[in-house]
PDB file of N, CA and C in Angstrom:
ATOM      1  N   MET A   1       3.106-251.176  35.991  1.00  0.00           N
ATOM      2  CA  MET A   1       3.110-251.845  37.793  1.00  0.00           C
ATOM      3  C   MET A   1       3.173-253.047  36.818  1.00  0.00           C
ATOM      4  N   GLU A   2       4.502-253.498  38.103  1.00  0.00           N
ATOM      5  CA  GLU A   2       5.036-254.739  37.778  1.00  0.00           C
ATOM      6  C   GLU A   2       3.750-255.925  38.609  1.00  0.00           C
ATOM      7  N   THR A   3       3.464-257.130  37.762  1.00  0.00           N
ATOM      8  CA  THR A   3       2.851-258.391  38.494  1.00  0.00           C
ATOM      9  C   THR A   3       3.426-259.809  38.403  1.00  0.00           C
ATOM     10  N   LYS A   4       4.051-259.756  39.426  1.00  0.00           N
ATOM     11  CA  LYS A   4       4.876-261.288  40.222  1.00  0.00           C
ATOM     12  C   LYS A   4       3.110-262.400  40.385  1.00  0.00           C
ATOM     13  N   ILE A   5       3.600-262.994  39.400  1.00  0.00           N
ATOM     14  CA  ILE A   5       2.661-263.955  40.045  1.00  0.00           C
ATOM     15  C   ILE A   5       3.267-265.108  40.579  1.00  0.00           C
ATOM     16  N   SER A   6       3.170-266.379  41.673  1.00  0.00           N
ATOM     17  CA  SER A   6       3.672-267.256  41.888  1.00  0.00           C
ATOM     18  C   SER A   6       4.373-268.592  41.011  1.00  0.00           C
ATOM     19  N   THR A   7       5.702-268.964  41.575  1.00  0.00           N
ATOM     20  CA  THR A   7       5.892-269.716  40.359  1.00  0.00           C
ATOM     21  C   THR A   7       5.406-270.943  40.597  1.00  0.00           C
ATOM     22  N   LEU A   8       4.258-271.007  41.034  1.00  0.00           N
ATOM     23  CA  LEU A   8       3.379-272.529  41.225  1.00  0.00           C
ATOM     24  C   LEU A   8       2.552-272.188  39.409  1.00  0.00           C
ATOM     25  N   LYS A   9       2.002-270.961  39.738  1.00  0.00           N
ATOM     26  CA  LYS A   9       1.171-270.380  38.530  1.00  0.00           C
ATOM     27  C   LYS A   9       2.373-270.092  37.421  1.00  0.00           C
ATOM     28  N   LEU A  10       3.319-270.204  37.522  1.00  0.00           N
ATOM     29  CA  LEU A  10       3.857-269.645  36.679  1.00  0.00           C
ATOM     30  C   LEU A  10       4.420-271.243  36.123  1.00  0.00           C
ATOM     31  N   ILE A  11       5.035-272.389  36.360  1.00  0.00           N
ATOM     32  CA  ILE A  11       5.338-273.654  36.311  1.00  0.00           C
ATOM     33  C   ILE A  11       4.524-273.979  35.206  1.00  0.00           C
ATOM     34  N   TYR A  12       3.245-273.795  36.546  1.00  0.00           N
ATOM     35  CA  TYR A  12       1.902-274.318  35.427  1.00  0.00           C
ATOM     36  C   TYR A  12       1.508-273.794  33.913  1.00  0.00           C
ATOM     37  N   ASN A  13       1.659-272.409  33.518  1.00  0.00           N
ATOM     38  CA  ASN A  13       1.790-272.212  31.848  1.00  0.00           C
ATOM     39  C   ASN A  13       2.909-272.522  31.929  1.00  0.00           C
ATOM     40  N   ILE A  14       4.058-273.191  32.140  1.00  0.00           N
ATOM     41  CA  ILE A  14       5.085-273.615  30.862  1.00  0.00           C
ATOM     42  C   ILE A  14       4.607-274.799  30.847  1.00  0.00           C
ATOM     43  N   LEU A  15       3.757-275.512  31.545  1.00  0.00           N
ATOM     44  CA  LEU A  15       3.790-277.011  31.393  1.00  0.00           C
ATOM     45  C   LEU A  15       3.034-276.601  30.273  1.00  0.00           C
ATOM     46  N   SER A  16       1.887-276.543  30.252  1.00  0.00           N
ATOM     47  CA  SER A  16       0.621-275.971  29.544  1.00  0.00           C
ATOM     48  C   SER A  16       0.786-275.665  28.119  1.00  0.00           C
ATOM     49  N   THR A  17       1.846-275.007  27.942  1.00  0.00           N
ATOM     50  CA  THR A  17       2.261-274.522  26.659  1.00  0.00           C
ATOM     51  C   THR A  17       3.842-275.031  25.922  1.00  0.00           C
ATOM     52  N   ARG A  18       4.472-275.650  26.571  1.00  0.00           N
ATOM     53  CA  ARG A  18       5.846-275.879  26.407  1.00  0.00           C
ATOM     54  C   ARG A  18       5.907-277.556  26.892  1.00  0.00           C
ATOM     55  N   GLN A  19       5.222-278.160  25.877  1.00  0.00           N
ATOM     56  CA  GLN A  19       4.953-279.552  25.532  1.00  0.00           C
ATOM     57  C   GLN A  19       6.878-280.584  26.686  1.00  0.00           C
ATOM     58  N   GLU A  20       7.821-279.542  25.612  1.00  0.00           N
ATOM     59  CA  GLU A  20       9.289-280.163  26.045  1.00  0.00           C
ATOM     60  C   GLU A  20       9.297-279.868  27.807  1.00  0.00           C
ATOM     61  N   THR A  21       8.852-279.258  28.248  1.00  0.00           N
ATOM     62  CA  THR A  21       9.247-278.934  29.384  1.00  0.00           C
ATOM     63  C   THR A  21       8.513-279.626  30.419  1.00  0.00           C
ATOM     64  N   LYS A  22       7.658-280.829  30.344  1.00  0.00           N
ATOM     65  CA  LYS A  22       7.024-282.227  30.727  1.00  0.00           C
ATOM     66  C   LYS A  22       7.792-282.641  31.346  1.00  0.00           C
ATOM     67  N   ASP A  23       9.151-282.943  30.632  1.00  0.00           N
ATOM     68  CA  ASP A  23       9.802-284.260  30.923  1.00  0.00           C
ATOM     69  C   ASP A  23      11.542-283.276  30.738  1.00  0.00           C
ATOM     70  N   ASP A  24      11.796-282.369  31.587  1.00  0.00           N
ATOM     71  CA  ASP A  24      12.867-281.484  31.344  1.00  0.00           C
ATOM     72  C   ASP A  24      12.975-280.256  32.338  1.00  0.00           C
ATOM     73  N   TRP A  25      13.050-280.998  33.794  1.00  0.00           N
ATOM     74  CA  TRP A  25      13.233-279.738  34.538  1.00  0.00           C
ATOM     75  C   TRP A  25      14.057-278.641  34.381  1.00  0.00           C
ATOM     76  N   LEU A  26      14.686-279.081  34.226  1.00  0.00           N
ATOM     77  CA  LEU A  26      16.260-277.946  33.480  1.00  0.00           C
ATOM     78  C   LEU A  26      15.695-276.550  32.445  1.00  0.00           C
ATOM     79  N   LEU A  27      15.128-277.225  31.800  1.00  0.00           N
ATOM     80  CA  LEU A  27      14.685-275.984  31.105  1.00  0.00           C
ATOM     81  C   LEU A  27      13.601-275.241  31.430  1.00  0.00           C
ATOM     82  N   THR A  28      13.023-276.107  32.379  1.00  0.00           N
ATOM     83  CA  THR A  28      11.476-275.161  33.121  1.00  0.00           C
ATOM     84  C   THR A  28      12.418-274.340  33.923  1.00  0.00           C
ATOM     85  N   ILE A  29      13.078-274.372  34.755  1.00  0.00           N
ATOM     86  CA  ILE A  29      14.375-274.141  35.895  1.00  0.00           C
ATOM     87  C   ILE A  29      14.734-272.766  34.414  1.00  0.00           C
ATOM     88  N   LYS A  30      15.152-272.646  33.213  1.00  0.00           N
ATOM     89  CA  LYS A  30      15.698-271.711  32.740  1.00  0.00           C
ATOM     90  C   LYS A  30      14.524-270.371  32.747  1.00  0.00           C
ATOM     91  N   ILE A  31      13.620-271.074  32.197  1.00  0.00           N
ATOM     92  CA  ILE A  31      12.344-270.131  31.780  1.00  0.00           C
ATOM     93  C   ILE A  31      11.877-269.473  32.536  1.00  0.00           C
ATOM     94  N   VAL A  32      12.053-270.007  34.179  1.00  0.00           N
ATOM     95  CA  VAL A  32      11.198-269.301  35.445  1.00  0.00           C
ATOM     96  C   VAL A  32      12.618-268.004  35.018  1.00  0.00           C
ATOM     97  N   HIS A  33      13.532-268.400  35.587  1.00  0.00           N
ATOM     98  CA  HIS A  33      14.558-267.379  35.682  1.00  0.00           C
ATOM     99  C   HIS A  33      14.568-266.560  34.441  1.00  0.00           C
ATOM    100  N   ASP A  34      14.302-266.544  32.872  1.00  0.00           N
ATOM    101  CA  ASP A  34      14.215-265.925  32.119  1.00  0.00           C
ATOM    102  C   ASP A  34      13.058-265.149  32.174  1.00  0.00           C
ATOM    103  N   TYR A  35      12.174-265.599  32.686  1.00  0.00           N
ATOM    104  CA  TYR A  35      11.028-264.475  33.006  1.00  0.00           C
ATOM    105  C   TYR A  35      11.147-263.509  34.431  1.00  0.00           C
ATOM    106  N   GLU A  36      11.826-264.254  35.374  1.00  0.00           N
ATOM    107  CA  GLU A  36      12.125-263.303  36.893  1.00  0.00           C
ATOM    108  C   GLU A  36      12.890-262.177  36.023  1.00  0.00           C
ATOM    109  N   MET A  37      14.051-262.421  35.343  1.00  0.00           N
ATOM    110  CA  MET A  37      14.853-261.504  34.993  1.00  0.00           C
ATOM    111  C   MET A  37      14.416-260.814  34.303  1.00  0.00           C
ATOM    112  N   VAL A  38      13.714-260.741  33.168  1.00  0.00           N
ATOM    113  CA  VAL A  38      13.014-259.536  32.387  1.00  0.00           C
ATOM    114  C   VAL A  38      12.182-258.894  33.824  1.00  0.00           C
ATOM    115  N   ASN A  39      11.713-259.225  34.508  1.00  0.00           N
ATOM    116  CA  ASN A  39      10.609-258.485  35.576  1.00  0.00           C
ATOM    117  C   ASN A  39      11.110-258.156  36.303  1.00  0.00           C
ATOM    118  N   ALA A  40      12.824-258.164  36.408  1.00  0.00           N
ATOM    119  CA  ALA A  40      13.461-257.811  37.601  1.00  0.00           C
ATOM    120  C   ALA A  40      14.552-256.841  36.831  1.00  0.00           C
ATOM    121  N   GLY A  41      14.530-256.800  35.453  1.00  0.00           N
ATOM    122  CA  GLY A  41      15.606-256.367  34.780  1.00  0.00           C
ATOM    123  C   GLY A  41      16.675-256.272  35.025  1.00  0.00           C
ATOM    124  N   ILE A  42      17.351-257.896  35.278  1.00  0.00           N
ATOM    125  CA  ILE A  42      18.659-258.472  35.285  1.00  0.00           C
ATOM    126  C   ILE A  42      18.863-258.802  33.798  1.00  0.00           C
ATOM    127  N   LYS A  43      20.569-258.273  33.987  1.00  0.00           N
ATOM    128  CA  LYS A  43      20.932-259.160  32.215  1.00  0.00           C
ATOM    129  C   LYS A  43      21.794-260.067  32.716  1.00  0.00           C
ATOM    130  N   ASN A  44      21.485-260.514  31.281  1.00  0.00           N
ATOM    131  CA  ASN A  44      22.491-262.102  31.247  1.00  0.00           C
ATOM    132  C   ASN A  44      23.653-262.302  32.175  1.00  0.00           C
ATOM    133  N   SER A  45      24.238-261.232  31.937  1.00  0.00           N
ATOM    134  CA  SER A  45      25.675-261.432  32.840  1.00  0.00           C
ATOM    135  C   SER A  45      25.300-261.078  34.545  1.00  0.00           C
ATOM    136  N   GLU A  46      24.274-260.780  34.869  1.00  0.00           N
ATOM    137  CA  GLU A  46      24.335-260.442  36.481  1.00  0.00           C
ATOM    138  C   GLU A  46      23.650-261.902  36.389  1.00  0.00           C
ATOM    139  N   TYR A  47      23.436-263.188  35.719  1.00  0.00           N
ATOM    140  CA  TYR A  47      22.468-263.937  36.234  1.00  0.00           C
ATOM    141  C   TYR A  47      23.189-264.434  37.545  1.00  0.00           C
ATOM    142  N   TYR A  48      24.690-265.187  37.700  1.00  0.00           N
ATOM    143  CA  TYR A  48      24.866-265.761  39.207  1.00  0.00           C
ATOM    144  C   TYR A  48      24.426-265.009  40.458  1.00  0.00           C
ATOM    145  N   GLU A  49      25.339-263.274  39.909  1.00  0.00           N
ATOM    146  CA  GLU A  49      25.360-262.963  40.880  1.00  0.00           C
ATOM    147  C   GLU A  49      23.853-262.445  41.707  1.00  0.00           C
ATOM    148  N   SER A  50      22.484-262.523  40.612  1.00  0.00           N
ATOM    149  CA  SER A  50      21.651-262.720  41.081  1.00  0.00           C
ATOM    150  C   SER A  50      21.162-263.795  41.340  1.00  0.00           C
ATOM    151  N   LEU A  51      21.238-265.260  41.372  1.00  0.00           N
ATOM    152  CA  LEU A  51      21.239-266.236  42.028  1.00  0.00           C
ATOM    153  C   LEU A  51      21.921-266.890  42.960  1.00  0.00           C
ATOM    154  N   PHE A  52      23.111-266.607  42.986  1.00  0.00           N
ATOM    155  CA  PHE A  52      23.452-267.393  43.835  1.00  0.00           C
ATOM    156  C   PHE A  52      24.523-266.281  45.060  1.00  0.00           C
ATOM    157  N   GLU A  53      24.430-265.006  45.111  1.00  0.00           N
ATOM    158  CA  GLU A  53      24.948-263.625  45.799  1.00  0.00           C
ATOM    159  C   GLU A  53      23.745-263.081  46.214  1.00  0.00           C
ATOM    160  N   LYS A  54      23.506-262.224  45.645  1.00  0.00           N
ATOM    161  CA  LYS A  54      21.752-261.211  45.874  1.00  0.00           C
ATOM    162  C   LYS A  54      20.688-262.737  46.081  1.00  0.00           C
ATOM    163  N   ARG A  55      20.531-263.360  45.724  1.00  0.00           N
ATOM    164  CA  ARG A  55      19.048-264.413  45.744  1.00  0.00           C
ATOM    165  C   ARG A  55      18.226-264.060  45.616  1.00  0.00           C
ATOM    166  N   ILE A  56      18.217-263.235  44.589  1.00  0.00           N
ATOM    167  CA  ILE A  56      16.933-262.516  43.526  1.00  0.00           C
ATOM    168  C   ILE A  56      16.331-263.270  42.905  1.00  0.00           C
ATOM    169  N   LEU A  57      16.418-264.328  42.694  1.00  0.00           N
ATOM    170  CA  LEU A  57      15.941-265.264  41.475  1.00  0.00           C
ATOM    171  C   LEU A  57      15.281-266.417  41.945  1.00  0.00           C
ATOM    172  N   THR A  58      14.468-267.242  41.978  1.00  0.00           N
ATOM    173  CA  THR A  58      13.507-268.519  42.654  1.00  0.00           C
ATOM    174  C   THR A  58      14.937-269.383  43.280  1.00  0.00           C
ATOM    175  N   ASN A  59      15.605-269.906  43.940  1.00  0.00           N
ATOM    176  CA  ASN A  59      15.866-271.164  44.203  1.00  0.00           C
ATOM    177  C   ASN A  59      15.879-272.321  42.954  1.00  0.00           C
ATOM    178  N   LEU A  60      16.743-272.667  43.154  1.00  0.00           N
ATOM    179  CA  LEU A  60      16.580-274.217  41.721  1.00  0.00           C
ATOM    180  C   LEU A  60      15.888-275.040  42.758  1.00  0.00           C
ATOM    181  N   HIS A  61      15.866-275.309  43.584  1.00  0.00           N
ATOM    182  CA  HIS A  61      14.990-276.534  44.792  1.00  0.00           C
ATOM    183  C   HIS A  61      14.003-276.448  44.507  1.00  0.00           C
ATOM    184  N   SER A  62      13.421-275.150  44.603  1.00  0.00           N
ATOM    185  CA  SER A  62      12.331-274.692  45.194  1.00  0.00           C
ATOM    186  C   SER A  62      11.283-274.477  43.672  1.00  0.00           C
ATOM    187  N   ILE A  63      12.384-274.405  42.149  1.00  0.00           N
ATOM    188  CA  ILE A  63      11.386-274.793  41.380  1.00  0.00           C
ATOM    189  C   ILE A  63      11.446-276.093  41.062  1.00  0.00           C
ATOM    190  N   ILE A  64      12.323-276.755  41.036  1.00  0.00           N
ATOM    191  CA  ILE A  64      12.181-278.087  40.909  1.00  0.00           C
ATOM    192  C   ILE A  64      10.685-278.820  41.851  1.00  0.00           C
ATOM    193  N   ARG A  65      11.044-278.593  43.460  1.00  0.00           N
ATOM    194  CA  ARG A  65       9.642-279.051  43.784  1.00  0.00           C
ATOM    195  C   ARG A  65       9.096-278.594  43.969  1.00  0.00           C
ATOM    196  N   ASP A  66       8.387-277.850  42.633  1.00  0.00           N
ATOM    197  CA  ASP A  66       6.961-276.806  42.157  1.00  0.00           C
ATOM    198  C   ASP A  66       6.873-277.393  40.950  1.00  0.00           C
ATOM    199  N   TRP A  67       7.297-277.994  40.308  1.00  0.00           N
ATOM    200  CA  TRP A  67       7.115-278.666  39.244  1.00  0.00           C
ATOM    201  C   TRP A  67       6.811-279.789  39.449  1.00  0.00           C
ATOM    202  N   ARG A  68       7.607-280.991  40.299  1.00  0.00           N
ATOM    203  CA  ARG A  68       7.156-282.212  40.628  1.00  0.00           C
ATOM    204  C   ARG A  68       5.249-282.155  40.847  1.00  0.00           C
ATOM    205  N   LYS A  69       5.059-280.661  42.363  1.00  0.00           N
ATOM    206  CA  LYS A  69       3.996-280.889  42.704  1.00  0.00           C
ATOM    207  C   LYS A  69       2.875-280.111  41.718  1.00  0.00           C
ATOM    208  N   VAL A  70       3.287-279.473  40.370  1.00  0.00           N
ATOM    209  CA  VAL A  70       2.265-279.160  39.624  1.00  0.00           C
ATOM    210  C   VAL A  70       1.974-280.413  38.508  1.00  0.00           C
ATOM    211  N   GLN A  71       2.830-281.338  38.545  1.00  0.00           N
ATOM    212  CA  GLN A  71       3.194-282.701  37.817  1.00  0.00           C
ATOM    213  C   GLN A  71       2.195-283.489  39.014  1.00  0.00           C
ATOM    214  N   GLN A  72       2.624-283.510  39.460  1.00  0.00           N
ATOM    215  CA  GLN A  72       1.684-284.839  40.680  1.00  0.00           C
ATOM    216  C   GLN A  72      -0.071-283.953  40.860  1.00  0.00           C
ATOM    217  N   ASP A  73      -0.265-282.952  40.711  1.00  0.00           N
ATOM    218  CA  ASP A  73      -1.776-282.532  40.984  1.00  0.00           C
ATOM    219  C   ASP A  73      -2.484-282.661  39.864  1.00  0.00           C
ATOM    220  N   ASN A  74      -1.529-282.455  38.748  1.00  0.00           N
ATOM    221  CA  ASN A  74      -1.928-281.984  37.039  1.00  0.00           C
ATOM    222  C   ASN A  74      -1.512-283.372  36.191  1.00  0.00           C
ATOM    223  N   GLU A  75      -2.536-284.259  36.214  1.00  0.00           N
ATOM    224  CA  GLU A  75      -2.308-284.960  35.290  1.00  0.00           C
ATOM    225  C   GLU A  75      -1.984-285.209  33.537  1.00  0.00           C
ATOM    226  N   HIS A  76      -2.440-283.824  33.440  1.00  0.00           N
ATOM    227  CA  HIS A  76      -2.369-283.651  31.826  1.00  0.00           C
ATOM    228  C   HIS A  76      -1.251-282.973  31.638  1.00  0.00           C
ATOM    229  N   LEU A  77      -0.085-282.472  32.728  1.00  0.00           N
ATOM    230  CA  LEU A  77       0.699-281.730  32.423  1.00  0.00           C
ATOM    231  C   LEU A  77       2.373-283.110  32.706  1.00  0.00           C
ATOM    232  N   ARG A  78       1.593-283.959  33.214  1.00  0.00           N
ATOM    233  CA  ARG A  78       2.791-284.795  32.947  1.00  0.00           C
ATOM    234  C   ARG A  78       3.305-285.667  31.544  1.00  0.00           C
ATOM    235  N   GLY A  79       4.801-285.147  31.633  1.00  0.00           N
ATOM    236  CA  GLY A  79       5.479-286.096  30.467  1.00  0.00           C
ATOM    237  C   GLY A  79       5.425-287.107  30.242  1.00  0.00           C
ATOM    238  N   ASP A  80       5.822-287.612  29.211  1.00  0.00           N
ATOM    239  CA  ASP A  80       5.683-289.028  28.705  1.00  0.00           C
ATOM    240  C   ASP A  80       6.981-289.952  29.838  1.00  0.00           C
ATOM    241  N   LYS A  81       7.987-289.391  30.775  1.00  0.00           N
ATOM    242  CA  LYS A  81       8.466-290.660  31.431  1.00  0.00           C
ATOM    243  C   LYS A  81       8.453-289.955  33.000  1.00  0.00           C
ATOM    244  N   TRP A  82       7.275-289.323  33.393  1.00  0.00           N
ATOM    245  CA  TRP A  82       6.189-289.125  35.161  1.00  0.00           C
ATOM    246  C   TRP A  82       6.427-290.664  35.443  1.00  0.00           C
ATOM    247  N   GLU A  83       5.502-291.447  34.475  1.00  0.00           N
ATOM    248  CA  GLU A  83       6.021-292.846  35.658  1.00  0.00           C
ATOM    249  C   GLU A  83       6.786-293.596  35.987  1.00  0.00           C
ATOM    250  N   GLU A  84       8.033-293.426  34.849  1.00  0.00           N
ATOM    251  CA  GLU A  84       9.145-293.702  35.097  1.00  0.00           C
ATOM    252  C   GLU A  84       9.766-293.064  35.995  1.00  0.00           C
ATOM    253  N   ARG A  85       9.456-291.653  36.277  1.00  0.00           N
ATOM    254  CA  ARG A  85      10.432-291.277  37.331  1.00  0.00           C
ATOM    255  C   ARG A  85       9.904-292.130  38.792  1.00  0.00           C
ATOM    256  N   GLN A  86       8.104-291.976  38.405  1.00  0.00           N
ATOM    257  CA  GLN A  86       7.755-292.454  40.250  1.00  0.00           C
ATOM    258  C   GLN A  86       8.083-293.531  39.995  1.00  0.00           C
ATOM    259  N   LYS A  87       8.326-294.617  39.196  1.00  0.00           N
ATOM    260  CA  LYS A  87       9.078-295.596  39.795  1.00  0.00           C
ATOM    261  C   LYS A  87      10.183-296.257  40.122  1.00  0.00           C
ATOM    262  N   CYS A  88      11.218-295.250  39.448  1.00  0.00           N
ATOM    263  CA  CYS A  88      12.522-295.299  39.826  1.00  0.00           C
ATOM    264  C   CYS A  88      12.521-294.798  41.175  1.00  0.00           C
ATOM    265  N   SER A  89      11.859-293.341  41.985  1.00  0.00           N
ATOM    266  CA  SER A  89      11.694-292.938  43.144  1.00  0.00           C
ATOM    267  C   SER A  89      11.521-294.032  44.265  1.00  0.00           C
ATOM    268  N   ASN A  90      10.180-294.875  43.923  1.00  0.00           N
ATOM    269  CA  ASN A  90       9.615-295.628  44.628  1.00  0.00           C
ATOM    270  C   ASN A  90      10.502-296.594  44.882  1.00  0.00           C
ATOM    271  N   ASN A  91      11.128-297.248  43.874  1.00  0.00           N
ATOM    272  CA  ASN A  91      12.312-298.159  44.323  1.00  0.00           C
ATOM    273  C   ASN A  91      13.313-297.964  45.012  1.00  0.00           C
ATOM    274  N   TYR A  92      14.049-296.726  44.590  1.00  0.00           N
ATOM    275  CA  TYR A  92      14.742-296.402  45.756  1.00  0.00           C
ATOM    276  C   TYR A  92      14.647-296.337  47.015  1.00  0.00           C
ATOM    277  N   LYS A  93      13.347-296.000  47.656  1.00  0.00           N
ATOM    278  CA  LYS A  93      12.659-295.145  48.473  1.00  0.00           C
ATOM    279  C   LYS A  93      13.002-297.215  49.075  1.00  0.00           C
ATOM    280  N   GLN A  94      12.180-297.719  48.464  1.00  0.00           N
ATOM    281  CA  GLN A  94      12.201-298.899  49.163  1.00  0.00           C
ATOM    282  C   GLN A  94      13.011-299.768  49.195  1.00  0.00           C
ATOM    283  N   GLU A  95      13.972-299.809  48.331  1.00  0.00           N
ATOM    284  CA  GLU A  95      15.791-299.962  48.896  1.00  0.00           C
ATOM    285  C   GLU A  95      16.549-299.346  50.194  1.00  0.00           C
ATOM    286  N   TYR A  96      16.630-298.294  49.566  1.00  0.00           N
ATOM    287  CA  TYR A  96      16.810-297.523  51.178  1.00  0.00           C
ATOM    288  C   TYR A  96      16.438-297.920  52.117  1.00  0.00           C
ATOM    289  N   THR A  97      15.207-297.920  52.201  1.00  0.00           N
ATOM    290  CA  THR A  97      14.780-298.534  53.735  1.00  0.00           C
ATOM    291  C   THR A  97      15.097-299.860  54.042  1.00  0.00           C
ATOM    292  N   LYS A  98      14.689-300.299  52.887  1.00  0.00           N
ATOM    293  CA  LYS A  98      15.548-301.848  53.506  1.00  0.00           C
ATOM    294  C   LYS A  98      16.675-302.244  54.140  1.00  0.00           C
ATOM    295  N   ASN A  99      17.792-301.711  53.302  1.00  0.00           N
ATOM    296  CA  ASN A  99      19.231-301.519  53.624  1.00  0.00           C
ATOM    297  C   ASN A  99      19.349-300.463  54.979  1.00  0.00           C
ATOM    298  N   ASN A 100      18.934-300.029  55.303  1.00  0.00           N
ATOM    299  CA  ASN A 100      19.167-298.796  56.234  1.00  0.00           C
ATOM    300  C   ASN A 100      17.999-298.789  57.637  1.00  0.00           C
ATOM    301  N   GLN A 101      17.415-299.777  57.532  1.00  0.00           N
ATOM    302  CA  GLN A 101      16.181-299.493  58.392  1.00  0.00           C
ATOM    303  C   GLN A 101      16.647-299.433  60.216  1.00  0.00           C
ATOM    304  N   TYR A 102      18.503-299.908  61.019  1.00  0.00           N
ATOM    305  CA  TYR A 102      18.554-299.761  61.908  1.00  0.00           C
ATOM    306  C   TYR A 102      20.145-298.298  61.518  1.00  0.00           C
ATOM    307  N   GLU A 103      19.896-297.908  60.534  1.00  0.00           N
ATOM    308  CA  GLU A 103      21.682-297.340  60.191  1.00  0.00           C
ATOM    309  C   GLU A 103      21.108-296.081  61.440  1.00  0.00           C
ATOM    310  N   TYR A 104      19.862-295.458  61.478  1.00  0.00           N
ATOM    311  CA  TYR A 104      19.498-294.671  62.665  1.00  0.00           C
ATOM    312  C   TYR A 104      19.558-294.255  63.890  1.00  0.00           C
ATOM    313  N   SER A 105      19.706-295.745  64.192  1.00  0.00           N
ATOM    314  CA  SER A 105      19.766-295.797  65.368  1.00  0.00           C
ATOM    315  C   SER A 105      20.726-296.030  66.084  1.00  0.00           C
ATOM    316  N   LEU A 106      21.094-295.592  66.961  1.00  0.00           N
ATOM    317  CA  LEU A 106      22.023-294.988  67.852  1.00  0.00           C
ATOM    318  C   LEU A 106      22.533-296.061  68.886  1.00  0.00           C
ATOM    319  N   PHE A 107      21.483-296.949  69.145  1.00  0.00           N
ATOM    320  CA  PHE A 107      21.508-297.863  70.760  1.00  0.00           C
ATOM    321  C   PHE A 107      21.107-299.055  69.552  1.00  0.00           C
ATOM    322  N   SER A 108      21.152-300.470  70.354  1.00  0.00           N
ATOM    323  CA  SER A 108      21.321-301.469  70.057  1.00  0.00           C
ATOM    324  C   SER A 108      19.587-301.890  70.138  1.00  0.00           C
ATOM    325  N   LYS A 109      18.583-302.899  69.813  1.00  0.00           N
ATOM    326  CA  LYS A 109      17.828-303.255  70.683  1.00  0.00           C
ATOM    327  C   LYS A 109      17.283-303.218  71.845  1.00  0.00           C
ATOM    328  N   ASP A 110      18.955-304.584  72.253  1.00  0.00           N
ATOM    329  CA  ASP A 110      18.819-304.353  73.454  1.00  0.00           C
ATOM    330  C   ASP A 110      19.098-303.660  74.307  1.00  0.00           C
ATOM    331  N   ASP A 111      20.217-302.340  74.430  1.00  0.00           N
ATOM    332  CA  ASP A 111      20.346-301.220  74.612  1.00  0.00           C
ATOM    333  C   ASP A 111      18.596-300.562  75.097  1.00  0.00           C
ATOM    334  N   LEU A 112      18.098-300.278  74.095  1.00  0.00           N
ATOM    335  CA  LEU A 112      16.203-299.639  73.676  1.00  0.00           C
ATOM    336  C   LEU A 112      16.004-300.093  74.794  1.00  0.00           C
ATOM    337  N   GLU A 113      15.657-301.713  74.899  1.00  0.00           N
ATOM    338  CA  GLU A 113      14.804-302.545  75.793  1.00  0.00           C
ATOM    339  C   GLU A 113      15.290-302.461  77.191  1.00  0.00           C
ATOM    340  N   SER A 114      16.341-302.005  77.691  1.00  0.00           N
ATOM    341  CA  SER A 114      16.585-301.977  78.840  1.00  0.00           C
ATOM    342  C   SER A 114      17.051-300.303  79.130  1.00  0.00           C
ATOM    343  N   MET A 115      17.092-299.616  78.389  1.00  0.00           N
ATOM    344  CA  MET A 115      16.904-297.969  79.046  1.00  0.00           C
ATOM    345  C   MET A 115      15.426-297.369  79.161  1.00  0.00           C
ATOM    346  N   ALA A 116      14.618-298.953  78.322  1.00  0.00           N
ATOM    347  CA  ALA A 116      12.814-298.560  78.869  1.00  0.00           C
ATOM    348  C   ALA A 116      12.698-299.083  79.843  1.00  0.00           C
ATOM    349  N   LYS A 117      13.274-299.998  80.268  1.00  0.00           N
ATOM    350  CA  LYS A 117      13.461-300.675  81.991  1.00  0.00           C
ATOM    351  C   LYS A 117      13.420-299.293  82.929  1.00  0.00           C
ATOM    352  N   MET A 118      14.141-299.125  82.944  1.00  0.00           N
ATOM    353  CA  MET A 118      15.614-298.063  83.912  1.00  0.00           C
ATOM    354  C   MET A 118      14.463-297.074  83.802  1.00  0.00           C
ATOM    355  N   ASP A 119      14.969-296.979  85.900  1.00  0.00           N
ATOM    356  CA  ASP A 119      13.705-296.124  86.460  1.00  0.00           C
ATOM    357  C   ASP A 119      14.537-294.081  86.787  1.00  0.00           C
ATOM    358  N   LEU A 120      13.592-293.829  85.839  1.00  0.00           N
ATOM    359  CA  LEU A 120      14.700-292.354  85.802  1.00  0.00           C
ATOM    360  C   LEU A 120      14.199-291.240  87.112  1.00  0.00           C
TER     361      LEU A 120
END
């Protein structure tokens, strides 16, 4: 009987047992896909087909998202570069917001004010 565990649990186990994965999401993806390939009986030569065409293996972005979530929720599973990644991410968000605060508006502030006063 095949036992499938959730990607979150698998990543938690990987981060708990493999110190080098705490700062290496790419290695974590490799280990997750290796695990899935063994369980599904997928050969190495079928990797790309299984990932991109048949979509049997977990999506890369889902693994990265789960890797970040597990580290966010479990301090002891964070790597040496975790704080640095958080600072870079926050700096990017602040800079992006500051530079693009009006970018998504289809109308100017004056246009919006006049439309608000319109009788529809």
